[in-house]
Protein backbone atom coordinates (compact mmCIF):
# COMPACT_ATOMS: atom_id res chain seq x y z
CA MET A 1 -124.87 31.49 -63.79
CA GLN A 2 -125.53 27.50 -62.93
CA ARG A 3 -122.24 26.45 -61.27
CA VAL A 4 -120.63 22.94 -61.89
CA TRP A 5 -117.86 22.16 -59.50
CA ILE A 6 -114.59 20.19 -60.17
CA GLU A 7 -112.80 19.39 -57.34
CA LEU A 8 -109.24 17.93 -57.82
CA ASP A 9 -106.23 17.09 -55.74
CA GLU A 10 -103.25 17.60 -57.29
CA VAL A 11 -102.99 19.80 -60.55
CA THR A 12 -100.57 21.29 -62.81
CA SER A 13 -102.56 24.53 -63.22
CA THR A 14 -106.16 25.32 -62.28
CA MET A 15 -105.75 27.51 -65.55
CA ASP A 16 -105.03 24.81 -68.03
CA VAL A 17 -107.41 22.09 -66.43
CA ILE A 18 -110.24 24.37 -66.87
CA ARG A 19 -109.66 24.67 -70.28
CA ASP A 20 -109.57 21.20 -71.00
CA TYR A 21 -112.70 20.35 -69.17
CA VAL A 22 -114.41 22.82 -71.32
CA ARG A 23 -112.87 21.16 -74.45
CA ASP A 24 -114.86 18.36 -73.15
CA GLY A 25 -117.96 19.39 -72.70
CA TYR A 26 -118.48 21.36 -69.54
CA PRO A 27 -120.33 24.58 -69.37
CA LEU A 28 -119.34 28.35 -68.78
CA GLY A 29 -120.32 27.91 -64.92
CA THR A 30 -117.32 25.32 -64.56
CA VAL A 31 -115.31 26.04 -61.52
CA VAL A 32 -111.77 23.89 -60.99
CA LEU A 33 -110.35 23.85 -57.29
CA ALA A 34 -107.79 21.96 -56.29
CA SER A 35 -105.41 21.28 -53.27
CA ALA A 36 -102.36 21.59 -54.94
CA GLN A 37 -100.41 22.87 -57.81
CA THR A 38 -97.22 21.97 -59.31
CA SER A 39 -97.12 24.22 -62.01
CA GLY A 40 -99.04 27.31 -61.01
CA ARG A 41 -98.45 30.72 -62.38
CA GLY A 42 -98.97 34.37 -61.40
CA ARG A 43 -99.45 37.51 -63.34
CA ARG A 44 -96.42 38.48 -65.26
CA GLY A 45 -95.22 34.80 -65.82
CA ALA A 46 -94.39 34.43 -62.03
CA HIS A 47 -94.79 31.06 -60.25
CA TRP A 48 -97.62 30.63 -57.83
CA ALA A 49 -96.16 28.57 -55.13
CA ASN A 50 -98.53 26.96 -52.73
CA ALA A 51 -98.08 24.85 -49.45
CA GLY A 52 -100.34 23.65 -46.46
CA THR A 53 -104.29 24.29 -47.07
CA ALA A 54 -104.72 26.88 -50.16
CA CYS A 55 -107.63 27.65 -52.18
CA LEU A 56 -106.23 27.55 -56.02
CA MET A 57 -109.11 28.04 -58.36
CA SER A 58 -110.00 28.75 -61.99
CA PHE A 59 -113.42 29.71 -63.39
CA LEU A 60 -114.32 31.43 -66.47
CA LEU A 61 -116.08 34.63 -67.25
CA PRO A 62 -118.13 36.17 -70.57
CA ALA A 63 -116.54 39.26 -72.41
CA GLY A 64 -118.65 41.74 -73.67
CA ASP A 65 -120.01 44.74 -72.66
CA ALA A 66 -121.84 43.43 -69.44
CA LEU A 67 -118.67 42.75 -67.94
CA PRO A 68 -115.42 44.52 -69.79
CA LEU A 69 -111.99 43.94 -69.59
CA GLU A 70 -111.10 46.50 -67.16
CA ALA A 71 -113.61 45.38 -64.90
CA VAL A 72 -112.38 41.61 -64.53
CA PRO A 73 -109.20 41.99 -62.36
CA LEU A 74 -110.63 44.55 -59.90
CA LEU A 75 -113.52 42.19 -59.44
CA ALA A 76 -111.40 39.21 -59.02
CA GLY A 77 -109.58 41.03 -56.42
CA VAL A 78 -112.35 42.36 -54.11
CA ALA A 79 -113.63 38.65 -54.51
CA ALA A 80 -110.62 37.22 -52.93
CA PHE A 81 -110.57 40.31 -50.38
CA ASP A 82 -113.85 39.17 -49.09
CA ALA A 83 -113.59 35.37 -49.23
CA ALA A 84 -109.98 35.98 -47.37
CA ALA A 85 -112.25 38.01 -44.87
CA LYS A 86 -114.53 35.52 -43.97
CA VAL A 87 -111.75 33.40 -42.63
CA CYS A 88 -109.66 36.02 -40.98
CA GLY A 89 -111.74 38.98 -40.55
CA HIS A 90 -110.83 42.56 -41.76
CA THR A 91 -108.17 43.86 -39.46
CA GLY A 92 -104.91 43.69 -41.41
CA LEU A 93 -106.44 42.46 -44.69
CA SER A 94 -106.34 44.80 -47.54
CA ILE A 95 -105.84 45.21 -51.82
CA LYS A 96 -102.85 45.97 -53.13
CA PHE A 97 -103.46 47.39 -56.74
CA PRO A 98 -104.61 45.96 -59.00
CA ASN A 99 -105.78 43.08 -56.97
CA ASP A 100 -102.93 41.41 -54.68
CA VAL A 101 -104.27 40.54 -51.14
CA LEU A 102 -102.34 41.15 -48.30
CA LEU A 103 -102.78 40.06 -44.28
CA ASN A 104 -100.31 42.88 -42.45
CA GLY A 105 -98.46 43.49 -45.57
CA ASP A 106 -97.59 39.58 -46.87
CA LYS A 107 -99.34 38.53 -49.54
CA VAL A 108 -101.99 36.22 -48.92
CA ALA A 109 -103.74 35.70 -52.47
CA GLY A 110 -103.26 36.67 -55.82
CA VAL A 111 -105.07 36.40 -59.19
CA LEU A 112 -104.21 35.64 -62.90
CA VAL A 113 -106.75 36.42 -65.64
CA GLU A 114 -106.18 35.23 -68.89
CA HIS A 115 -108.01 35.85 -72.71
CA TRP A 116 -109.53 32.83 -74.40
CA ASP A 117 -112.04 31.66 -76.97
CA ALA A 118 -114.35 29.23 -75.88
CA PHE A 119 -118.33 28.78 -76.66
CA GLY A 120 -117.65 30.44 -80.21
CA ALA A 121 -117.18 33.70 -78.32
CA PRO A 122 -114.33 35.34 -75.88
CA VAL A 123 -114.18 34.47 -72.46
CA PHE A 124 -112.07 35.33 -69.39
CA VAL A 125 -110.25 32.49 -67.49
CA VAL A 126 -109.75 33.84 -64.40
CA GLY A 127 -107.40 31.94 -61.32
CA ILE A 128 -107.21 33.09 -57.80
CA GLY A 129 -104.80 31.34 -55.54
CA ILE A 130 -105.65 31.79 -52.00
CA ASN A 131 -103.15 30.87 -48.97
CA VAL A 132 -105.39 29.86 -46.62
CA ALA A 133 -103.41 27.78 -43.75
CA ASP A 134 -99.78 27.79 -43.73
CA ALA A 135 -97.49 29.68 -46.40
CA PRO A 136 -95.37 28.95 -49.30
CA GLU A 137 -91.89 29.60 -49.02
CA LEU A 138 -90.47 31.58 -51.68
CA GLN A 139 -87.41 32.37 -53.68
CA THR A 140 -88.05 35.44 -54.87
CA GLY A 141 -87.73 37.71 -52.06
CA TYR A 142 -91.06 38.67 -51.16
CA VAL A 143 -92.72 37.26 -48.19
CA ALA A 144 -95.98 35.26 -48.45
CA GLY A 145 -98.31 35.33 -45.22
CA ALA A 146 -101.64 32.78 -45.15
CA LEU A 147 -105.49 33.62 -43.49
CA VAL A 148 -104.42 31.46 -40.34
CA PRO A 149 -101.30 29.59 -39.30
CA ALA A 150 -100.92 26.01 -40.18
CA GLY A 151 -102.64 23.26 -38.81
CA SER A 152 -106.05 25.65 -38.09
CA ALA A 153 -109.36 24.16 -39.35
CA ALA A 154 -110.00 25.73 -42.52
CA SER A 155 -111.84 24.91 -45.81
CA SER A 156 -110.56 25.78 -48.99
CA ARG A 157 -114.26 24.65 -50.55
CA ASN A 158 -116.10 27.39 -47.77
CA VAL A 159 -112.97 30.01 -49.13
CA ALA A 160 -113.99 29.23 -52.95
CA ASP A 161 -117.66 29.19 -52.26
CA HIS A 162 -117.39 32.98 -50.64
CA VAL A 163 -115.12 33.81 -53.86
CA ILE A 164 -117.75 33.13 -56.67
CA THR A 165 -120.55 34.20 -54.46
CA THR A 166 -119.34 37.63 -54.59
CA ILE A 167 -118.28 37.48 -58.47
CA ASP A 168 -122.02 36.24 -59.21
CA GLY A 169 -123.12 38.91 -56.91
CA PHE A 170 -121.57 41.70 -58.92
CA LEU A 171 -122.52 39.78 -62.00
CA GLU A 172 -126.55 40.11 -61.22
CA THR A 173 -126.20 44.05 -59.79
CA ALA A 174 -127.15 46.15 -62.47
CA ALA A 175 -125.08 49.38 -61.71
CA MET A 176 -121.83 47.06 -61.32
CA THR A 177 -119.13 49.59 -62.60
CA PRO A 178 -119.88 51.90 -59.44
CA ALA A 179 -120.73 49.50 -57.20
CA LEU A 180 -117.29 47.47 -58.18
CA VAL A 181 -114.90 50.84 -57.91
CA ASP A 182 -116.93 51.66 -54.64
CA ALA A 183 -116.11 48.30 -53.27
CA TRP A 184 -112.56 48.03 -54.38
CA ASN A 185 -111.73 51.66 -52.95
CA ALA A 186 -112.99 50.76 -49.33
CA ARG A 187 -110.98 47.50 -49.45
CA HIS A 188 -107.38 49.25 -51.01
CA CYS A 189 -104.87 50.71 -48.70
CA GLY A 190 -102.16 52.85 -49.96
CA GLY A 191 -98.76 53.36 -48.89
CA TYR A 192 -96.68 51.80 -51.70
CA TRP A 193 -95.27 52.50 -54.68
CA ARG A 194 -95.55 51.73 -58.26
CA HIS A 195 -93.88 53.20 -61.53
CA HIS A 196 -95.25 54.85 -64.28
CA PRO A 197 -94.05 55.47 -67.41
CA SER A 198 -94.06 59.42 -67.67
CA PHE A 199 -94.23 60.57 -63.70
CA GLY A 200 -91.89 57.70 -62.72
CA LYS A 201 -92.55 56.38 -59.01
CA VAL A 202 -96.52 57.01 -57.99
CA SER A 203 -98.11 56.14 -55.03
CA ILE A 204 -101.69 54.27 -55.78
CA VAL A 205 -104.95 56.77 -54.13
CA ARG A 206 -107.85 55.37 -55.58
CA LEU A 207 -109.27 54.15 -58.51
CA ALA A 208 -111.31 56.84 -60.89
CA GLY A 209 -113.20 53.97 -62.62
CA LEU A 210 -112.18 51.00 -64.07
CA SER A 211 -109.93 52.96 -66.65
CA HIS A 212 -108.43 55.45 -64.29
CA VAL A 213 -106.62 56.02 -61.05
CA VAL A 214 -105.87 58.50 -58.94
CA VAL A 215 -102.38 58.66 -58.32
CA LEU A 216 -99.62 60.59 -55.50
CA LEU A 217 -96.84 61.91 -57.66
CA PRO A 218 -93.14 62.64 -55.83
CA ASP A 219 -94.02 66.69 -55.89
CA GLY A 220 -96.94 65.75 -53.75
CA THR A 221 -99.71 66.04 -56.25
CA GLU A 222 -102.45 63.98 -57.13
CA ARG A 223 -103.19 63.24 -60.98
CA SER A 224 -105.60 60.71 -62.75
CA VAL A 225 -103.62 58.07 -65.03
CA SER A 226 -104.72 55.29 -67.09
CA ALA A 227 -104.84 51.90 -65.08
CA ALA A 228 -103.47 50.68 -68.10
CA SER A 229 -100.20 52.37 -67.84
CA LEU A 230 -99.88 50.80 -64.59
CA MET A 231 -101.34 47.02 -65.00
CA LEU A 232 -100.84 44.60 -67.32
CA ASP A 233 -102.86 41.91 -65.98
CA VAL A 234 -104.66 39.98 -68.98
CA ALA A 235 -102.52 37.50 -70.62
CA HIS A 236 -103.52 36.28 -74.39
């Protein structure tokens, strides 16, 4: 897929801006990268804050059999992880289900996926925010981190380039699903709990495909459950 890059300073949200560019005739390969957002958003209606040097980007992916819905949030999480690792290395870096990227337990990257109709067909609008240098102060009780300290020489464009390189690499892989599942599992680190509607508090162990997750139940046994029961990641 041929990429068209649009680099901006401050925007409301790259998720909204990319839609405007597509309505004006820009192609499927468009990537919007901004230095700051005034109305950035995350999953489940959360506000995405940014500070210092941040990689704030949105891009489009075609929806279809070759790229099922379940794969997109996981693919974006792996791409964000790999881009972060290019800056700070792998030590202390992990993915938390489904696609938060943590550095020593602090969130440094997040993903938002929205479903949209464009070019006469459904597409996914993918937003990724990565705190490159300097972490924002949050009012939610959560702790945010950054890949490198404030003032470090780091390029948000280089980080975004690594994201797109990983995304395009998987899209060109013949057996994308098993490769993606293996990549996600290799980058995942457990030790946290999620709520399951039937089993209560469970711990994510590993992916068992795109649509199922092996979890650890409170009684110490493992069970495969639907990923959808633990993840609501695509907004319409």
